[in-house]
Amino acid sequence: MVATTVPADQQAAVTAVIVAVKNPTIIAFTLLWMAGIGRTLIADQRSLQPI
């Protein structure tokens, strides 16, 4: 998409900006997702234990 919408001399800069914005967002989302999975597993184990 960058190749079709951005002039050739500015493609490298635009791609760098897109990657710089995208990567921290994906990393943060992944960490939150992993924490949620762990929390779900812990909650499921507690509900299975007899009281």
C-alpha atoms as a PDB file:
ATOM      1  CA  MET A   1       0.000   0.000   0.000  1.00  0.00           C
ATOM      2  CA  VAL A   2       2.865   2.374   0.749  1.00  0.00           C
ATOM      3  CA  ALA A   3       4.312   1.827  -2.717  1.00  0.00           C
ATOM      4  CA  THR A   4       1.087   2.904  -4.419  1.00  0.00           C
ATOM      5  CA  THR A   5       0.218   5.915  -2.265  1.00  0.00           C
ATOM      6  CA  VAL A   6       3.590   7.487  -1.374  1.00  0.00           C
ATOM      7  CA  PRO A   7       6.143   8.968  -3.768  1.00  0.00           C
ATOM      8  CA  ALA A   8       9.230   6.774  -4.270  1.00  0.00           C
ATOM      9  CA  ASP A   9      11.632   9.203  -2.594  1.00  0.00           C
ATOM     10  CA  GLN A  10       9.572   9.214   0.648  1.00  0.00           C
ATOM     11  CA  GLN A  11       8.692   5.512   0.906  1.00  0.00           C
ATOM     12  CA  ALA A  12      11.550   4.650   3.266  1.00  0.00           C
ATOM     13  CA  ALA A  13      10.575   7.404   5.724  1.00  0.00           C
ATOM     14  CA  VAL A  14       6.889   6.504   5.657  1.00  0.00           C
ATOM     15  CA  THR A  15       7.644   2.806   6.147  1.00  0.00           C
ATOM     16  CA  ALA A  16       9.925   3.656   9.104  1.00  0.00           C
ATOM     17  CA  VAL A  17       7.176   5.711  10.739  1.00  0.00           C
ATOM     18  CA  ILE A  18       4.591   2.970  10.236  1.00  0.00           C
ATOM     19  CA  VAL A  19       6.869   0.331  11.745  1.00  0.00           C
ATOM     20  CA  ALA A  20       7.864   2.594  14.658  1.00  0.00           C
ATOM     21  CA  VAL A  21       4.206   3.165  15.549  1.00  0.00           C
ATOM     22  CA  LYS A  22       3.058  -0.411  14.957  1.00  0.00           C
ATOM     23  CA  ASN A  23       5.708  -2.353  16.892  1.00  0.00           C
ATOM     24  CA  PRO A  24       5.128  -0.884  20.392  1.00  0.00           C
ATOM     25  CA  THR A  25       1.394  -1.307  19.913  1.00  0.00           C
ATOM     26  CA  ILE A  26       1.751  -4.987  18.993  1.00  0.00           C
ATOM     27  CA  ILE A  27       4.214  -5.605  21.843  1.00  0.00           C
ATOM     28  CA  ALA A  28       1.889  -3.991  24.395  1.00  0.00           C
ATOM     29  CA  PHE A  29      -1.118  -5.906  23.072  1.00  0.00           C
ATOM     30  CA  THR A  30       0.822  -9.187  23.222  1.00  0.00           C
ATOM     31  CA  LEU A  31       1.904  -8.590  26.834  1.00  0.00           C
ATOM     32  CA  LEU A  32      -1.650  -7.750  27.887  1.00  0.00           C
ATOM     33  CA  TRP A  33      -2.962 -10.821  26.069  1.00  0.00           C
ATOM     34  CA  MET A  34      -0.406 -13.069  27.789  1.00  0.00           C
ATOM     35  CA  ALA A  35      -1.274 -11.603  31.200  1.00  0.00           C
ATOM     36  CA  GLY A  36      -4.952 -12.230  30.497  1.00  0.00           C
ATOM     37  CA  ILE A  37      -4.259 -15.860  29.534  1.00  0.00           C
ATOM     38  CA  GLY A  38      -2.277 -16.378  32.744  1.00  0.00           C
ATOM     39  CA  ARG A  39      -4.998 -14.776  34.826  1.00  0.00           C
ATOM     40  CA  THR A  40      -7.638 -16.964  33.181  1.00  0.00           C
ATOM     41  CA  LEU A  41      -5.616 -20.124  33.830  1.00  0.00           C
ATOM     42  CA  ILE A  42      -5.106 -19.203  37.489  1.00  0.00           C
ATOM     43  CA  ALA A  43      -8.812 -18.427  37.936  1.00  0.00           C
ATOM     44  CA  ASP A  44      -9.776 -21.744  36.307  1.00  0.00           C
ATOM     45  CA  GLN A  45      -7.455 -23.690  38.614  1.00  0.00           C
ATOM     46  CA  ARG A  46      -8.907 -22.009  41.697  1.00  0.00           C
ATOM     47  CA  SER A  47     -12.443 -22.860  40.644  1.00  0.00           C
ATOM     48  CA  LEU A  48     -11.509 -26.541  40.192  1.00  0.00           C
ATOM     49  CA  GLN A  49     -10.004 -26.965  43.675  1.00  0.00           C
ATOM     50  CA  PRO A  50     -12.351 -28.327  46.351  1.00  0.00           C
ATOM     51  CA  ILE A  51     -13.159 -25.966  49.180  1.00  0.00           C
END
